[in-house]
Protein backbone atom coordinates (compact mmCIF):
# COMPACT_ATOMS: atom_id res chain seq x y z
CA MET A 1 0.26 7.22 22.93
CA THR A 2 3.92 8.15 22.56
CA SER A 3 5.17 10.62 20.01
CA THR A 4 6.47 7.74 17.92
CA GLU A 5 3.10 6.02 17.90
CA ARG A 6 1.36 9.22 16.88
CA SER A 7 3.55 9.43 13.80
CA ASP A 8 2.11 11.99 11.40
CA VAL A 9 -1.56 11.36 12.10
CA ASP A 10 -3.36 14.64 12.58
CA THR A 11 -5.31 14.53 15.84
CA THR A 12 -6.80 17.98 15.38
CA ASP A 13 -10.57 17.98 15.40
CA ALA A 14 -11.98 18.40 11.93
CA GLY A 15 -14.36 21.03 13.26
CA GLU A 16 -11.42 23.19 14.36
CA ALA A 17 -10.09 22.90 10.83
CA GLY A 18 -13.27 24.55 9.65
CA ASP A 19 -14.75 21.60 7.83
CA GLY A 20 -17.75 20.78 9.95
CA GLY A 21 -16.47 17.85 11.98
CA ARG A 22 -17.93 16.79 15.29
CA ALA A 23 -16.94 14.15 17.77
CA ALA A 24 -18.65 10.87 18.38
CA ALA A 25 -21.57 11.04 20.77
CA PRO A 26 -20.33 10.22 24.29
CA VAL A 27 -21.33 6.77 25.42
CA ALA A 28 -22.86 8.27 28.52
CA ASP A 29 -25.45 9.95 26.32
CA VAL A 30 -26.72 6.57 25.14
CA ASP A 31 -28.91 4.45 27.42
CA SER A 32 -27.42 1.14 28.50
CA ARG A 33 -29.78 -0.98 26.38
CA TYR A 34 -29.32 0.78 23.07
CA PRO A 35 -25.80 -0.55 22.24
CA TRP A 36 -27.15 -4.11 22.45
CA VAL A 37 -30.18 -3.21 20.35
CA ALA A 38 -27.83 -1.79 17.72
CA MET A 39 -25.69 -4.92 18.01
CA GLY A 40 -28.69 -7.08 17.08
CA VAL A 41 -29.46 -5.00 13.99
CA VAL A 42 -25.84 -4.93 12.86
CA LEU A 43 -25.48 -8.69 13.30
CA ILE A 44 -28.30 -9.28 10.79
CA GLY A 45 -26.47 -7.42 8.05
CA THR A 46 -23.01 -8.70 8.94
CA PHE A 47 -24.06 -12.35 8.90
CA MET A 48 -25.86 -12.08 5.56
CA VAL A 49 -22.98 -10.33 3.81
CA ILE A 50 -20.32 -12.73 5.01
CA LEU A 51 -22.58 -15.73 4.45
CA ASP A 52 -22.83 -14.73 0.78
CA THR A 53 -19.07 -15.05 0.32
CA THR A 54 -19.42 -18.84 0.50
CA ILE A 55 -23.09 -19.80 0.13
CA VAL A 56 -22.94 -19.80 -3.69
CA ASN A 57 -19.65 -21.72 -4.10
CA VAL A 58 -21.15 -25.21 -3.80
CA ALA A 59 -23.95 -24.40 -6.25
CA LEU A 60 -21.89 -23.15 -9.22
CA PRO A 61 -22.26 -26.41 -11.22
CA GLN A 62 -26.05 -26.39 -10.77
CA ILE A 63 -26.31 -22.70 -11.76
CA GLY A 64 -24.18 -23.32 -14.84
CA LYS A 65 -26.37 -26.26 -15.80
CA ALA A 66 -29.52 -24.16 -15.37
CA PHE A 67 -28.16 -21.54 -17.76
CA GLY A 68 -26.76 -24.15 -20.15
CA THR A 69 -23.12 -23.18 -19.78
CA GLU A 70 -20.04 -24.06 -17.75
CA SER A 71 -18.06 -21.05 -18.92
CA GLY A 72 -17.97 -17.98 -16.70
CA VAL A 73 -19.91 -19.35 -13.72
CA ASP A 74 -16.96 -18.60 -11.45
CA TRP A 75 -17.69 -14.90 -12.03
CA ILE A 76 -20.76 -15.30 -9.84
CA VAL A 77 -18.31 -15.50 -6.93
CA THR A 78 -15.54 -13.31 -8.34
CA ALA A 79 -17.80 -10.36 -9.17
CA TYR A 80 -19.25 -10.33 -5.66
CA LEU A 81 -15.84 -10.42 -3.99
CA LEU A 82 -14.47 -7.71 -6.27
CA ALA A 83 -17.42 -5.42 -5.53
CA VAL A 84 -17.09 -6.00 -1.77
CA GLY A 85 -13.40 -5.12 -1.82
CA VAL A 86 -13.62 -2.15 -4.18
CA CYS A 87 -16.24 -0.18 -2.25
CA GLN A 88 -14.53 -0.46 1.14
CA PRO A 89 -12.04 2.44 0.80
CA ALA A 90 -15.01 4.80 0.38
CA THR A 91 -16.95 3.61 3.43
CA GLY A 92 -14.99 5.74 5.90
CA TRP A 93 -15.85 8.92 4.02
CA LEU A 94 -19.46 7.87 3.50
CA ALA A 95 -19.99 7.02 7.17
CA ASP A 96 -18.38 10.27 8.35
CA ARG A 97 -20.26 12.39 5.83
CA PHE A 98 -23.76 10.88 5.93
CA GLY A 99 -23.79 9.11 9.29
CA ARG A 100 -23.46 5.46 10.29
CA LYS A 101 -27.20 4.78 10.44
CA ARG A 102 -27.95 6.10 6.95
CA VAL A 103 -25.03 4.34 5.26
CA PHE A 104 -25.75 1.04 7.00
CA THR A 105 -29.48 1.19 6.18
CA VAL A 106 -28.96 2.13 2.52
CA SER A 107 -26.26 -0.54 2.15
CA LEU A 108 -28.53 -3.20 3.62
CA GLY A 109 -31.32 -2.11 1.29
CA LEU A 110 -28.98 -2.25 -1.72
CA PHE A 111 -27.78 -5.71 -0.71
CA THR A 112 -31.35 -6.94 -0.29
CA THR A 113 -32.43 -5.48 -3.63
CA GLY A 114 -29.42 -7.07 -5.33
CA SER A 115 -30.36 -10.41 -3.74
CA LEU A 116 -33.92 -10.24 -5.06
CA LEU A 117 -32.80 -9.30 -8.56
CA ALA A 118 -30.12 -11.99 -8.55
CA ALA A 119 -32.74 -14.60 -7.67
CA LEU A 120 -34.87 -13.47 -10.62
CA SER A 121 -31.99 -13.27 -13.11
CA PRO A 122 -32.85 -14.70 -16.55
CA SER A 123 -29.24 -15.20 -17.66
CA LEU A 124 -25.75 -15.70 -16.30
CA GLY A 125 -24.61 -12.22 -17.32
CA VAL A 126 -27.53 -10.57 -15.56
CA LEU A 127 -26.88 -12.67 -12.45
CA VAL A 128 -23.22 -11.58 -12.37
CA GLY A 129 -24.33 -7.95 -12.69
CA PHE A 130 -26.70 -8.19 -9.75
CA ARG A 131 -24.02 -9.94 -7.72
CA VAL A 132 -22.03 -6.72 -8.17
CA VAL A 133 -25.00 -4.81 -6.74
CA GLN A 134 -25.03 -7.20 -3.77
CA GLY A 135 -21.32 -6.71 -3.23
CA LEU A 136 -21.46 -2.92 -3.37
CA GLY A 137 -24.11 -2.95 -0.65
CA GLY A 138 -22.47 -5.66 1.39
CA GLY A 139 -18.96 -4.22 1.24
CA ALA A 140 -20.00 -1.10 3.11
CA MET A 141 -22.15 -2.85 5.72
CA VAL A 142 -19.44 -4.78 7.54
CA PRO A 143 -16.97 -1.93 8.27
CA VAL A 144 -19.76 0.54 9.06
CA GLY A 145 -21.40 -1.99 11.38
CA MET A 146 -18.08 -2.60 13.09
CA THR A 147 -17.59 1.15 13.50
CA MET A 148 -21.00 1.56 15.15
CA ILE A 149 -20.32 -1.20 17.66
CA TYR A 150 -16.88 0.21 18.43
CA GLU A 151 -18.22 3.70 19.08
CA LEU A 152 -21.27 2.69 21.11
CA PHE A 153 -19.37 0.81 23.82
CA PRO A 154 -16.94 2.38 26.28
CA PRO A 155 -13.24 1.53 25.84
CA HIS A 156 -13.20 -1.07 28.63
CA LYS A 157 -16.04 -3.02 26.95
CA ARG A 158 -15.06 -2.75 23.29
CA GLY A 159 -13.19 -6.02 23.20
CA MET A 160 -16.18 -7.94 24.50
CA ALA A 161 -18.59 -6.06 22.21
CA LEU A 162 -16.59 -6.53 19.03
CA GLY A 163 -15.93 -10.12 19.99
CA THR A 164 -19.67 -10.70 20.11
CA TRP A 165 -20.06 -8.99 16.73
CA GLY A 166 -17.24 -11.15 15.37
CA ILE A 167 -19.26 -14.33 15.90
CA ALA A 168 -21.20 -13.43 12.75
CA ALA A 169 -17.97 -12.87 10.86
CA MET A 170 -16.80 -16.37 11.78
CA ALA A 171 -20.13 -18.15 11.40
CA GLY A 172 -20.94 -16.77 7.94
CA PRO A 173 -18.20 -18.55 5.94
CA ALA A 174 -18.58 -21.75 7.96
CA PHE A 175 -22.34 -22.09 7.56
CA GLY A 176 -22.42 -20.85 3.95
CA PRO A 177 -21.59 -24.20 2.31
CA VAL A 178 -24.09 -26.05 4.53
CA ILE A 179 -26.96 -23.66 3.79
CA GLY A 180 -26.01 -23.41 0.13
CA GLY A 181 -25.73 -27.15 -0.30
CA TYR A 182 -29.11 -27.73 1.32
CA LEU A 183 -30.95 -25.03 -0.64
CA VAL A 184 -29.60 -26.01 -4.03
CA THR A 185 -30.36 -29.67 -3.34
CA ALA A 186 -33.77 -29.33 -1.68
CA VAL A 187 -35.19 -26.37 -3.59
CA SER A 188 -33.26 -24.55 -6.35
CA TRP A 189 -30.35 -22.16 -6.84
CA HIS A 190 -32.76 -19.20 -6.83
CA TRP A 191 -33.21 -19.67 -3.07
CA LEU A 192 -29.53 -18.96 -2.47
CA PHE A 193 -30.56 -15.34 -3.04
CA PHE A 194 -34.26 -15.37 -2.11
CA VAL A 195 -33.27 -16.39 1.43
CA ASN A 196 -31.71 -12.95 1.95
CA VAL A 197 -34.81 -10.98 1.00
CA PRO A 198 -37.12 -11.41 4.04
CA ILE A 199 -34.17 -11.16 6.41
CA GLY A 200 -32.96 -8.04 4.63
CA VAL A 201 -36.40 -6.41 4.72
CA VAL A 202 -36.64 -7.04 8.46
CA GLY A 203 -33.12 -5.65 8.85
CA VAL A 204 -33.90 -2.45 6.92
CA VAL A 205 -37.08 -1.83 8.94
CA ALA A 206 -35.22 -2.50 12.20
CA ALA A 207 -32.34 -0.23 11.16
CA ARG A 208 -34.70 2.65 10.29
CA ARG A 209 -36.69 2.36 13.50
CA LEU A 210 -34.09 1.29 16.05
CA LEU A 211 -30.71 2.72 15.04
CA ARG A 212 -29.73 6.23 16.07
CA ASP A 213 -27.53 8.74 14.33
CA THR A 214 -24.55 8.51 16.68
CA GLY A 215 -20.86 8.58 15.91
CA TYR A 216 -18.30 10.94 14.45
CA ARG A 217 -19.42 13.20 11.58
CA GLU A 218 -17.27 15.27 9.24
CA HIS A 219 -18.26 17.16 6.09
CA ARG A 220 -14.96 16.86 4.25
CA ARG A 221 -14.84 17.08 0.49
CA PHE A 222 -15.42 14.04 -1.70
CA ASP A 223 -12.13 12.83 -3.17
CA GLY A 224 -13.48 11.26 -6.34
CA PHE A 225 -10.10 11.07 -8.05
CA GLY A 226 -8.43 9.27 -5.15
CA LEU A 227 -11.26 6.81 -4.65
CA GLY A 228 -11.41 6.16 -8.39
CA ILE A 229 -7.75 5.23 -8.76
CA VAL A 230 -7.65 3.07 -5.63
CA ALA A 231 -10.81 1.26 -6.75
CA ALA A 232 -9.25 0.56 -10.14
CA GLY A 233 -6.02 -0.62 -8.52
CA LEU A 234 -7.87 -2.94 -6.15
CA VAL A 235 -9.95 -4.41 -8.99
CA LEU A 236 -6.77 -5.26 -10.89
CA TRP A 237 -5.04 -6.74 -7.85
CA LEU A 238 -7.99 -8.79 -6.68
CA LEU A 239 -8.63 -9.97 -10.23
CA ALA A 240 -4.99 -11.02 -10.61
CA PHE A 241 -5.07 -12.90 -7.29
CA GLY A 242 -8.33 -14.59 -8.20
CA GLU A 243 -7.22 -15.73 -11.66
CA ALA A 244 -3.47 -16.28 -11.16
CA SER A 245 -3.79 -20.03 -10.61
CA SER A 246 -5.48 -20.41 -14.03
CA TRP A 247 -3.71 -17.61 -15.92
CA GLY A 248 -0.30 -18.40 -14.42
CA TRP A 249 1.71 -16.00 -12.25
CA SER A 250 4.13 -15.28 -15.11
CA SER A 251 1.41 -14.69 -17.71
CA THR A 252 1.10 -11.29 -19.36
CA ARG A 253 -2.39 -10.75 -17.94
CA THR A 254 -1.36 -11.48 -14.35
CA LEU A 255 1.79 -9.37 -14.49
CA ALA A 256 -0.04 -6.51 -16.19
CA CYS A 257 -2.82 -6.49 -13.58
CA LEU A 258 -0.32 -6.58 -10.71
CA ALA A 259 1.91 -3.89 -12.20
CA VAL A 260 -0.83 -1.44 -13.22
CA GLY A 261 -2.71 -2.09 -9.98
CA GLY A 262 0.46 -1.41 -7.98
CA VAL A 263 1.09 1.86 -9.84
CA LEU A 264 -2.49 3.02 -9.23
CA ILE A 265 -2.38 2.18 -5.52
CA ALA A 266 1.00 3.94 -5.16
CA ALA A 267 -0.48 6.96 -6.95
CA PHE A 268 -3.42 6.87 -4.54
CA VAL A 269 -1.10 6.94 -1.51
CA ARG A 270 0.86 9.86 -2.97
CA HIS A 271 -2.33 11.71 -3.82
CA GLU A 272 -3.86 11.21 -0.35
CA LEU A 273 -0.70 12.52 1.33
CA ARG A 274 -0.80 15.72 -0.72
CA ILE A 275 -4.43 16.81 -0.45
CA GLU A 276 -6.05 18.66 2.45
CA HIS A 277 -9.07 16.37 2.87
CA PRO A 278 -8.16 12.77 1.95
CA ALA A 279 -10.89 10.19 1.56
CA LEU A 280 -8.67 7.74 3.41
CA ASP A 281 -5.97 9.27 5.59
CA VAL A 282 -3.06 6.93 4.80
CA ARG A 283 -1.03 8.49 7.59
CA ILE A 284 -2.76 6.11 9.99
CA PHE A 285 -0.40 3.43 8.63
CA GLY A 286 2.41 5.41 10.22
CA VAL A 287 1.12 4.49 13.69
CA PRO A 288 3.27 1.45 14.52
CA ILE A 289 0.76 -0.49 16.62
CA PHE A 290 -1.99 -0.03 14.01
CA SER A 291 0.23 -1.34 11.21
CA LEU A 292 1.44 -4.16 13.46
CA THR A 293 -2.14 -5.32 14.03
CA LEU A 294 -2.79 -5.32 10.28
CA GLY A 295 0.24 -7.56 9.75
CA ILE A 296 -0.94 -10.01 12.41
CA LEU A 297 -4.44 -9.99 10.94
CA ALA A 298 -3.15 -10.72 7.42
CA LEU A 299 -0.98 -13.62 8.57
CA GLY A 300 -3.78 -15.15 10.62
CA THR A 301 -6.18 -14.76 7.69
CA VAL A 302 -3.90 -16.84 5.44
CA ALA A 303 -3.87 -19.68 8.01
CA GLN A 304 -7.65 -19.45 8.44
CA PHE A 305 -8.42 -19.55 4.71
CA ALA A 306 -5.92 -22.35 4.15
CA ALA A 307 -8.16 -24.50 6.34
CA MET A 308 -11.52 -23.14 5.17
CA VAL A 309 -10.80 -23.30 1.43
CA PHE A 310 -8.42 -26.20 0.90
CA LEU A 311 -9.68 -28.68 3.46
CA PRO A 312 -13.10 -28.86 1.71
CA LEU A 313 -11.34 -29.32 -1.65
CA GLN A 314 -9.27 -32.13 -0.20
CA LEU A 315 -12.26 -33.90 1.31
CA GLU A 316 -14.27 -33.66 -1.91
CA THR A 317 -11.50 -34.77 -4.28
CA LEU A 318 -9.66 -37.33 -2.16
CA ARG A 319 -12.55 -38.80 -0.19
CA GLY A 320 -15.45 -38.17 -2.54
CA MET A 321 -17.54 -36.39 0.08
CA SER A 322 -20.54 -34.36 -1.05
CA ALA A 323 -20.48 -30.58 -0.77
CA LEU A 324 -23.19 -30.74 1.89
CA ARG A 325 -21.24 -33.26 3.98
CA VAL A 326 -18.11 -31.16 3.73
CA GLY A 327 -20.09 -28.10 4.72
CA THR A 328 -21.30 -29.77 7.90
CA MET A 329 -17.69 -30.55 8.79
CA LEU A 330 -16.93 -26.82 8.88
CA VAL A 331 -19.56 -26.17 11.54
CA PRO A 332 -17.15 -27.05 14.41
CA LEU A 333 -14.92 -24.22 13.21
CA ALA A 334 -17.79 -21.77 13.70
CA ILE A 335 -18.52 -23.26 17.11
CA GLY A 336 -14.92 -22.74 18.20
CA GLY A 337 -15.03 -19.13 17.03
CA ALA A 338 -18.37 -18.53 18.76
CA ILE A 339 -16.73 -19.54 22.04
CA THR A 340 -13.56 -17.46 21.84
CA PHE A 341 -14.54 -14.34 19.91
CA PRO A 342 -16.36 -12.81 22.90
CA LEU A 343 -13.98 -14.47 25.37
CA GLY A 344 -10.94 -13.11 23.55
CA GLY A 345 -12.49 -9.67 23.54
CA ARG A 346 -13.25 -9.84 27.25
CA LEU A 347 -9.65 -10.91 27.98
CA THR A 348 -8.41 -7.94 25.97
CA ASP A 349 -10.51 -5.61 28.12
CA LYS A 350 -8.91 -7.08 31.25
CA VAL A 351 -5.30 -8.01 30.39
CA GLY A 352 -4.57 -6.30 27.08
CA PRO A 353 -4.24 -7.88 23.63
CA ARG A 354 -0.87 -9.57 23.86
CA PRO A 355 -1.82 -12.76 25.82
CA PRO A 356 -4.97 -13.67 23.84
CA VAL A 357 -3.40 -12.91 20.46
CA ILE A 358 -0.34 -15.02 21.26
CA ALA A 359 -2.57 -17.83 22.54
CA GLY A 360 -4.78 -17.64 19.45
CA SER A 361 -1.82 -17.67 17.04
CA LEU A 362 -0.36 -20.70 18.81
CA LEU A 363 -3.70 -22.51 18.57
CA LEU A 364 -3.81 -21.74 14.85
CA MET A 365 -0.29 -23.06 14.52
CA GLY A 366 -1.16 -26.30 16.34
CA ALA A 367 -4.30 -26.91 14.29
CA SER A 368 -2.46 -26.19 11.04
CA TRP A 369 0.26 -28.64 12.11
CA VAL A 370 -2.32 -31.38 12.65
CA LEU A 371 -3.95 -30.68 9.28
CA GLY A 372 -0.51 -30.62 7.65
CA HIS A 373 0.19 -34.19 8.78
CA LEU A 374 -3.05 -35.84 7.72
CA THR A 375 -3.05 -39.13 5.88
CA PRO A 376 -5.64 -40.24 3.28
CA ASP A 377 -7.29 -42.46 5.89
CA ALA A 378 -7.19 -39.99 8.81
CA SER A 379 -10.38 -40.02 10.85
CA THR A 380 -12.97 -37.30 10.34
CA LEU A 381 -13.00 -36.83 14.14
CA ARG A 382 -9.37 -35.75 14.01
CA ILE A 383 -10.17 -33.26 11.26
CA GLU A 384 -13.18 -31.85 13.09
CA VAL A 385 -11.20 -31.43 16.31
CA ALA A 386 -8.54 -29.55 14.35
CA LEU A 387 -11.24 -27.30 12.90
CA VAL A 388 -12.59 -26.54 16.37
CA VAL A 389 -9.07 -25.46 17.33
CA VAL A 390 -8.86 -23.25 14.21
CA GLY A 391 -12.04 -21.51 15.33
CA LEU A 392 -10.76 -21.16 18.89
CA GLY A 393 -7.53 -19.68 17.61
CA MET A 394 -9.24 -17.20 15.31
CA GLY A 395 -11.45 -15.95 18.13
CA PHE A 396 -8.50 -15.31 20.42
CA ALA A 397 -6.20 -13.86 17.77
CA MET A 398 -8.32 -11.72 15.48
CA MET A 399 -10.69 -9.51 17.46
CA PRO A 400 -8.32 -8.50 20.32
CA ASN A 401 -5.83 -7.56 17.64
CA SER A 402 -8.38 -5.48 15.73
CA VAL A 403 -9.69 -3.67 18.82
CA THR A 404 -6.15 -2.68 19.74
CA GLY A 405 -5.46 -1.36 16.26
CA MET A 406 -8.52 0.91 16.46
CA ASN A 407 -7.88 1.99 20.05
CA VAL A 408 -4.48 3.52 19.23
CA LEU A 409 -6.04 5.93 16.71
CA PRO A 410 -8.03 9.07 17.50
CA ASP A 411 -11.77 8.41 17.53
CA LYS A 412 -12.35 10.34 14.31
CA PHE A 413 -10.50 7.60 12.40
CA ALA A 414 -12.78 4.78 13.60
CA ALA A 415 -14.70 4.39 10.33
CA GLN A 416 -11.56 4.59 8.21
CA ALA A 417 -9.74 2.07 10.42
CA ALA A 418 -12.64 -0.39 10.22
CA ALA A 419 -12.69 -0.09 6.43
CA VAL A 420 -8.93 -0.65 6.23
CA ARG A 421 -9.23 -3.70 8.47
CA GLN A 422 -11.87 -5.30 6.24
CA LEU A 423 -9.91 -4.47 3.10
CA ASN A 424 -6.80 -5.96 4.68
CA VAL A 425 -8.65 -9.24 5.28
CA ARG A 426 -10.00 -9.25 1.71
CA VAL A 427 -6.59 -8.69 0.09
CA ALA A 428 -4.77 -11.11 2.41
CA ALA A 429 -7.35 -13.83 1.78
CA SER A 430 -7.30 -13.31 -1.99
CA PHE A 431 -3.51 -13.28 -2.20
CA GLY A 432 -3.07 -16.19 0.18
CA VAL A 433 -5.63 -18.39 -1.55
CA ALA A 434 -4.13 -17.54 -4.97
CA VAL A 435 -0.60 -18.51 -3.95
CA LEU A 436 -1.74 -21.66 -2.15
CA ALA A 437 -3.98 -22.70 -5.06
CA THR A 438 -1.03 -22.39 -7.42
CA LEU A 439 1.09 -24.60 -5.18
CA VAL A 440 -1.63 -27.24 -4.95
CA THR A 441 -2.32 -27.22 -8.69
CA THR A 442 1.38 -27.46 -9.52
CA ARG A 443 1.99 -30.39 -7.19
CA LEU A 444 -1.21 -32.24 -8.10
CA GLY A 445 -0.93 -31.97 -11.87
CA SER A 446 -3.60 -34.20 -13.44
CA LEU A 447 -4.97 -35.07 -10.00
CA ALA A 448 -6.18 -31.50 -9.46
CA THR A 449 -9.68 -32.26 -10.73
CA ALA A 450 -9.89 -36.05 -10.47
CA ALA A 451 -9.93 -38.55 -7.65
CA PRO A 452 -6.62 -40.46 -7.24
CA ALA A 453 -6.69 -43.89 -8.88
CA SER A 454 -4.30 -45.61 -6.48
CA ALA A 455 -3.09 -45.51 -2.91
CA ALA A 456 0.22 -43.99 -4.01
CA ALA A 457 -1.61 -41.27 -5.93
CA ALA A 458 -3.76 -40.56 -2.89
CA VAL A 459 -0.66 -40.14 -0.72
CA HIS A 460 0.86 -37.80 -3.30
CA ALA A 461 -2.33 -35.73 -3.50
CA GLN A 462 -2.56 -35.59 0.28
CA SER A 463 0.99 -34.25 0.46
CA ALA A 464 0.02 -31.37 -1.84
CA TYR A 465 -2.74 -30.27 0.51
CA ASN A 466 -0.56 -30.87 3.56
CA LEU A 467 1.93 -28.36 2.16
CA VAL A 468 -0.80 -25.71 2.21
CA PHE A 469 -1.57 -26.34 5.86
CA LEU A 470 2.12 -26.33 6.77
CA ILE A 471 2.40 -22.89 5.19
CA GLY A 472 -0.40 -21.97 7.60
CA VAL A 473 1.91 -23.14 10.38
CA GLY A 474 4.54 -20.72 9.12
CA THR A 475 2.20 -17.73 8.93
CA SER A 476 0.89 -18.54 12.43
CA ILE A 477 4.43 -18.60 13.81
CA ALA A 478 5.10 -15.23 12.16
CA ALA A 479 1.88 -13.86 13.68
CA THR A 480 2.96 -15.12 17.11
CA VAL A 481 6.30 -13.34 16.82
CA LEU A 482 4.62 -10.08 15.82
CA ALA A 483 2.14 -10.46 18.68
CA LEU A 484 5.03 -10.26 21.15
CA PHE A 485 5.28 -6.56 20.26
CA LEU A 486 1.64 -5.79 21.06
CA PRO A 487 1.07 -3.66 24.16
CA GLY A 488 0.57 -5.36 27.50
CA ARG A 489 -1.98 -4.45 30.10
CA ALA A 490 -0.22 -1.36 31.46
CA ARG A 491 0.51 0.06 28.02
CA THR A 492 -3.06 -0.63 26.89
CA GLU A 493 -4.46 1.24 29.89
CA GLU A 494 -2.13 4.16 29.12
CA ILE A 495 -3.35 4.27 25.51
CA LEU A 496 -6.98 4.24 26.63
CA ARG A 497 -6.36 7.02 29.16
CA THR A 498 -4.73 9.11 26.44
CA ARG A 499 -7.64 8.57 24.09
CA ALA A 500 -10.15 9.42 26.84
CA ALA A 501 -8.30 12.64 27.71
CA GLU A 502 -8.22 13.69 24.06
CA GLN A 503 -11.94 12.98 23.73
CA ARG A 504 -12.72 15.10 26.80
CA GLU A 505 -10.65 17.96 25.43
CA LEU A 506 -12.43 17.67 22.11
CA ALA A 507 -15.85 17.68 23.78
CA LEU A 508 -14.90 20.86 25.66
CA ASP A 509 -13.70 22.52 22.44
CA VAL A 510 -16.93 21.63 20.64
CA ALA A 511 -18.99 22.94 23.59
């Protein structure tokens, strides 16, 4: 890593600073089978958490009917997403302080408990409250799980390993509507949450018995003030993004949430730069390659969610498809991702991140272009092929990019970097969906919630959704341009050699 890329990030071992830090356990100390055993346990939790971001969406009308109200049912989704996002800044500190195994196991247990209580909820308000419990458990599981996989595999296998882990991240949102539509139709809404309980129990038992306490540990002080103000700022921002299409971007509530949230997050950054033991070392954003990968990830996320959120809306409103039918049409997207997530990671291990990320961004651009030129009578085969290409593009673009962003940082920042990555996806998705939803609602007018009554109205409605996908073309082009600045093979090998040398020096110092 060059002096520029190091920026101001402190690479001194926390243990040398007198605060009880120790390095991650060398991979050589772990038998060759254990990383794959840990992978299996982590995949259970990752899939359940991400599945729950979409499994409930199709069942909101039925849940509202069961509780005798249509008002406030959207908070079943909103509360979960807010809780997931809010707890993520703290996960780096928690994982470093208490260990990856303990935090992952407790988080999975909290998520499972929240699922059981949500299934038994007697009222809408109670259900929303237990969705918060689910989100608080689930929000920590994904970044901590990603950190464990990253640390357990040697540098030349991390791309392949995280690509395999990423299959769950892609499959969860795609299969959520299918599973949710089936359960609410065949059984009842309670089973949207009951389904997590036996899987979660198995996951907790497996985590306790099979996971080991490996990874970086550091006993730095708890920064309650910093975590409190960033949590409050994120709540306000995510709430504003989630409600802006109904409140209006110029409304007092939206502007107040954005302004106060921005002030709190700016105060958090200033606070973290001034204290000796920050909960989240914001100086990692000063490493150019790390920040570059976050930008690429955010742009790709907007294109991905444009397809995953607005294509189902289009098919339901313009073509009258059932939620279950629409859900099955998203399965090809998951299949595409399942193919290229591990393949993209393997390519990164061999040729560096630049070629696969560029290829993935171009695939996203092409698929978004096809979706942006649909007509009301376009064949479902054409749509499904485009969704396969979206999945292929995400697999190539996302995980190689994320692995590179983590590789350029010292190993002690692995948990913090994973948390920042997940938070980046959450904020980018929320902001992107909010802006795109506003555009669609504005262009559709009275057609936003009703099927078009004429062919001309159908064409007009189609054009509104096409605009969303064409914006996805633009963000994919921007991601491609940024990807040109990612390191190539030689630079990637140099970065990995530097990291390995620093880790050896640190191991000698600890010994």
